[in-house]
Amino acid sequence: ADNWLVDTGDDPVQSNGLSTYGKKIIHEMNRLGMIIDLAHTSMKTMNDVLQISKAPVIFSHSSAYALCNSRRNVPDEILKTVSEKGGIVMVNFYNDYVTCKPTAKLSDVADHFDHIKKIAGYQSVGFGGDYDGVSRLPEGLEDVSFYPDLVAELLKRNWTDKDVKAALGGNFLRVFEQVEQVKSNSSGADEPIPYDQVQNECRTAYGYQNQKNSGTPLVLFPTVVTLTYLVYYTLV
């Protein structure tokens, strides 16, 4: 699958959205009851997944593109499709994705909530935060203890208690339930991955440029854990 950097021109197009194998992965995630997260994906990938997935999807930490033209954010046409498919967009608080500037305020984040609610409905918005992954946060939203202030701001903007409760967690729980329902209605068995597709250079090394591990030692990890437990319970 292509990521958002394809849309900025920083990464070359590799799959033109989802590859053929990527499409199989989406079906398998539906079968297993896995929630599909489209944050960090390209526009073509977003559209491909929304067309293929039988279950609703989430954007776990993305904001509204109309208010901040970062490719990490979600355009209005995608917001509408997310709503039609029963998914949610969970607002990211990173200043660069809120105002497209180094600084932002709580009210700027509330603007994103308002916009997503306006385009996709209250049932399609959630709290994304991204506190563990960003370096700049809005004034008045420095940590989760300020969530009540954001809720108060939304209530001032005529959000109802029902709207706020949905955004705080109700919407996500609904998606979780619907993903499980799709799983329950799915059939089929595991499809083996061809060995040549397992042995490739694709690693989750983003942000860990100094990581030298090729991944091979991780094959031993389950065995090591099992032996550790056996030793522990033998001694105890």
Protein backbone atom coordinates (compact mmCIF):
# COMPACT_ATOMS: atom_id res chain seq x y z
CA ALA A 1 0.00 0.00 0.00
CA ASP A 2 1.22 3.51 -0.77
CA ASN A 3 1.59 5.92 2.15
CA TRP A 4 0.83 9.64 2.38
CA LEU A 5 4.34 10.64 1.29
CA VAL A 6 3.41 9.50 -2.21
CA ASP A 7 0.92 12.38 -2.35
CA THR A 8 3.60 14.89 -1.33
CA GLY A 9 6.04 13.56 -3.91
CA ASP A 10 8.54 12.50 -1.22
CA ASP A 11 8.04 8.78 -1.92
CA PRO A 12 7.66 7.08 -5.30
CA VAL A 13 4.41 5.34 -6.22
CA GLN A 14 4.83 1.62 -5.65
CA SER A 15 1.39 0.05 -5.51
CA ASN A 16 -0.86 2.74 -7.01
CA GLY A 17 -2.93 2.55 -3.84
CA LEU A 18 -3.38 -1.07 -2.82
CA SER A 19 -1.47 -3.80 -4.60
CA THR A 20 -3.25 -7.03 -5.54
CA TYR A 21 -1.80 -8.60 -2.43
CA GLY A 22 -2.80 -5.55 -0.37
CA LYS A 23 -6.41 -6.10 -1.40
CA LYS A 24 -6.20 -9.68 -0.12
CA ILE A 25 -4.89 -8.31 3.18
CA ILE A 26 -7.98 -6.09 3.54
CA HIS A 27 -10.27 -9.11 3.06
CA GLU A 28 -8.21 -11.06 5.59
CA MET A 29 -8.36 -8.24 8.13
CA ASN A 30 -12.14 -8.23 7.74
CA ARG A 31 -12.21 -12.00 8.26
CA LEU A 32 -10.06 -11.78 11.40
CA GLY A 33 -11.95 -8.84 12.89
CA MET A 34 -9.04 -6.40 12.66
CA ILE A 35 -9.76 -2.66 12.61
CA ILE A 36 -8.30 -1.02 9.51
CA ASP A 37 -6.51 2.28 10.19
CA LEU A 38 -6.05 4.60 7.19
CA ALA A 39 -3.94 7.25 8.92
CA HIS A 40 -0.65 7.67 7.01
CA THR A 41 -2.08 6.33 3.74
CA SER A 42 -2.24 7.94 0.32
CA MET A 43 -5.48 9.19 -1.21
CA LYS A 44 -5.55 6.28 -3.65
CA THR A 45 -5.03 3.82 -0.80
CA MET A 46 -7.84 5.45 1.18
CA ASN A 47 -10.23 5.12 -1.76
CA ASP A 48 -9.19 1.53 -2.51
CA VAL A 49 -9.71 0.40 1.08
CA LEU A 50 -13.03 2.21 1.46
CA GLN A 51 -14.26 0.52 -1.70
CA ILE A 52 -13.10 -2.98 -0.70
CA SER A 53 -13.57 -3.26 3.07
CA LYS A 54 -16.82 -4.77 4.30
CA ALA A 55 -16.20 -3.30 7.75
CA PRO A 56 -15.98 0.38 8.73
CA VAL A 57 -12.49 1.85 8.97
CA ILE A 58 -10.86 4.47 11.15
CA PHE A 59 -8.34 7.27 10.80
CA SER A 60 -6.82 6.96 14.26
CA HIS A 61 -4.97 10.30 14.23
CA SER A 62 -5.81 12.56 11.28
CA SER A 63 -7.54 15.93 10.97
CA ALA A 64 -9.50 17.82 8.30
CA TYR A 65 -7.64 18.63 5.08
CA ALA A 66 -9.98 21.54 4.35
CA LEU A 67 -8.64 23.38 7.41
CA CYS A 68 -4.98 22.37 7.09
CA ASN A 69 -3.74 21.18 3.71
CA SER A 70 -1.44 18.47 5.00
CA ARG A 71 -1.57 15.14 3.19
CA ARG A 72 -1.81 13.50 6.60
CA ASN A 73 -5.31 14.94 6.88
CA VAL A 74 -8.58 13.75 5.37
CA PRO A 75 -10.20 15.56 2.40
CA ASP A 76 -13.93 16.27 2.39
CA GLU A 77 -14.69 13.69 -0.31
CA ILE A 78 -13.07 10.99 1.82
CA LEU A 79 -14.91 12.25 4.93
CA LYS A 80 -18.21 11.74 3.10
CA THR A 81 -17.26 8.19 2.10
CA VAL A 82 -16.08 7.39 5.63
CA SER A 83 -19.49 8.50 6.88
CA GLU A 84 -21.32 6.39 4.31
CA LYS A 85 -19.26 3.36 5.34
CA GLY A 86 -19.82 3.94 9.07
CA GLY A 87 -16.19 4.79 9.87
CA ILE A 88 -14.63 7.53 11.99
CA VAL A 89 -11.90 10.16 11.75
CA MET A 90 -10.17 10.76 15.09
CA VAL A 91 -8.76 14.27 15.25
CA ASN A 92 -4.99 14.65 15.54
CA PHE A 93 -3.79 17.42 17.88
CA TYR A 94 -0.35 17.91 16.27
CA ASN A 95 0.02 21.62 15.53
CA ASP A 96 1.36 20.97 12.03
CA TYR A 97 -1.83 19.05 11.16
CA VAL A 98 -4.16 21.46 12.97
CA THR A 99 -3.03 24.85 11.65
CA CYS A 100 -0.22 23.82 9.30
CA LYS A 101 1.96 26.01 11.53
CA PRO A 102 4.24 25.42 14.53
CA THR A 103 1.62 26.84 16.90
CA ALA A 104 -2.07 26.16 17.53
CA LYS A 105 -4.76 26.65 20.17
CA LEU A 106 -7.47 24.46 21.64
CA SER A 107 -10.05 26.38 19.60
CA ASP A 108 -8.21 25.41 16.39
CA VAL A 109 -8.61 21.73 17.29
CA ALA A 110 -12.30 22.33 17.99
CA ASP A 111 -12.58 23.79 14.48
CA HIS A 112 -11.53 20.40 13.08
CA PHE A 113 -14.15 18.64 15.18
CA ASP A 114 -16.75 21.09 13.88
CA HIS A 115 -15.71 20.59 10.27
CA ILE A 116 -15.71 16.80 10.38
CA LYS A 117 -19.08 16.87 12.13
CA LYS A 118 -20.44 19.24 9.48
CA ILE A 119 -19.24 17.12 6.55
CA ALA A 120 -19.55 13.58 7.92
CA GLY A 121 -21.83 13.88 10.94
CA TYR A 122 -21.25 13.52 14.68
CA GLN A 123 -21.15 9.73 14.29
CA SER A 124 -17.94 9.99 12.24
CA VAL A 125 -15.61 11.93 14.55
CA GLY A 126 -13.42 10.97 17.49
CA PHE A 127 -10.53 12.04 19.70
CA GLY A 128 -7.18 11.07 18.14
CA GLY A 129 -4.72 13.08 20.23
CA ASP A 130 -1.41 11.51 19.10
CA TYR A 131 0.29 12.57 22.34
CA ASP A 132 2.84 9.77 22.07
CA GLY A 133 3.97 10.69 18.57
CA VAL A 134 4.27 14.48 18.18
CA SER A 135 6.56 17.25 19.36
CA ARG A 136 4.24 20.27 19.25
CA LEU A 137 0.80 20.50 20.84
CA PRO A 138 -1.84 23.25 20.94
CA GLU A 139 -1.94 25.74 23.77
CA GLY A 140 -4.50 24.44 26.22
CA LEU A 141 -4.20 20.79 25.07
CA GLU A 142 -0.75 19.92 26.35
CA ASP A 143 -1.89 16.55 27.74
CA VAL A 144 -5.02 14.45 28.25
CA SER A 145 -5.91 16.29 31.45
CA PHE A 146 -7.15 19.11 29.19
CA TYR A 147 -9.78 16.93 27.48
CA PRO A 148 -12.55 18.39 29.67
CA ASP A 149 -11.63 21.85 28.35
CA LEU A 150 -12.02 20.63 24.78
CA VAL A 151 -15.36 19.05 25.66
CA ALA A 152 -16.47 22.35 27.21
CA GLU A 153 -15.47 24.16 24.02
CA LEU A 154 -17.51 21.76 21.90
CA LEU A 155 -20.53 22.20 24.17
CA LYS A 156 -20.18 25.97 23.76
CA ARG A 157 -20.41 25.36 20.02
CA ASN A 158 -23.80 23.70 20.44
CA TRP A 159 -22.63 20.11 20.44
CA THR A 160 -25.14 18.01 22.35
CA ASP A 161 -24.28 15.57 25.13
CA LYS A 162 -25.04 12.78 22.65
CA ASP A 163 -22.60 14.24 20.11
CA VAL A 164 -19.80 14.59 22.66
CA LYS A 165 -20.28 11.12 24.15
CA ALA A 166 -20.12 9.66 20.67
CA ALA A 167 -16.88 11.51 19.88
CA LEU A 168 -15.30 10.59 23.22
CA GLY A 169 -15.65 6.87 22.62
CA GLY A 170 -19.11 5.84 21.52
CA ASN A 171 -18.26 6.07 17.84
CA PHE A 172 -15.14 3.95 18.22
CA LEU A 173 -16.99 1.30 20.23
CA ARG A 174 -19.63 1.15 17.50
CA VAL A 175 -16.96 0.61 14.84
CA PHE A 176 -15.35 -2.05 17.02
CA GLU A 177 -18.70 -3.85 17.28
CA GLN A 178 -19.39 -3.62 13.55
CA VAL A 179 -15.92 -4.98 12.73
CA GLU A 180 -16.67 -7.93 15.00
CA GLN A 181 -20.01 -8.45 13.25
CA VAL A 182 -18.26 -8.61 9.87
CA LYS A 183 -15.86 -11.15 11.35
CA SER A 184 -18.75 -13.27 12.63
CA ASN A 185 -20.35 -13.27 9.18
CA SER A 186 -17.12 -14.12 7.36
CA SER A 187 -15.98 -17.52 6.19
CA GLY A 188 -12.82 -19.01 4.77
CA ALA A 189 -9.45 -20.10 6.07
CA ASP A 190 -5.96 -18.68 6.34
CA GLU A 191 -4.21 -18.19 3.03
CA PRO A 192 -0.48 -18.96 3.23
CA ILE A 193 1.85 -16.11 2.29
CA PRO A 194 4.35 -17.11 -0.43
CA TYR A 195 7.81 -17.36 1.10
CA ASP A 196 9.33 -14.94 -1.42
CA GLN A 197 6.87 -12.28 -0.21
CA VAL A 198 7.87 -12.80 3.41
CA GLN A 199 11.58 -12.38 2.69
CA ASN A 200 11.69 -8.76 1.58
CA GLU A 201 13.12 -5.41 2.64
CA CYS A 202 9.84 -4.07 4.01
CA ARG A 203 10.35 -3.28 7.71
CA THR A 204 8.52 -1.08 10.18
CA ALA A 205 11.63 1.03 10.70
CA TYR A 206 10.11 4.50 10.25
CA GLY A 207 11.65 6.79 12.85
CA TYR A 208 14.31 4.21 13.76
CA GLN A 209 17.00 4.96 11.21
CA ASN A 210 19.74 3.42 13.38
CA GLN A 211 17.93 0.09 13.65
CA LYS A 212 20.23 -2.58 12.18
CA ASN A 213 18.21 -5.66 13.04
CA SER A 214 17.20 -7.51 9.87
CA GLY A 215 14.30 -9.13 11.69
CA THR A 216 15.70 -12.66 11.67
CA PRO A 217 16.32 -12.90 15.46
CA LEU A 218 12.64 -12.20 16.08
CA VAL A 219 11.90 -15.70 14.81
CA LEU A 220 13.29 -16.98 18.11
CA PHE A 221 11.20 -14.64 20.26
CA PRO A 222 8.23 -16.99 20.92
CA THR A 223 10.63 -19.76 21.94
CA VAL A 224 12.53 -17.46 24.28
CA VAL A 225 9.29 -16.30 25.93
CA THR A 226 8.08 -19.88 26.36
CA LEU A 227 11.36 -20.98 27.92
CA THR A 228 11.33 -17.97 30.26
CA TYR A 229 7.86 -18.89 31.54
CA LEU A 230 8.87 -22.54 31.99
CA VAL A 231 11.94 -21.57 34.01
CA TYR A 232 9.91 -19.13 36.11
CA TYR A 233 7.17 -21.62 37.00
CA THR A 234 9.73 -24.39 37.62
CA LEU A 235 11.56 -22.22 40.13
CA VAL A 236 8.43 -20.89 41.76
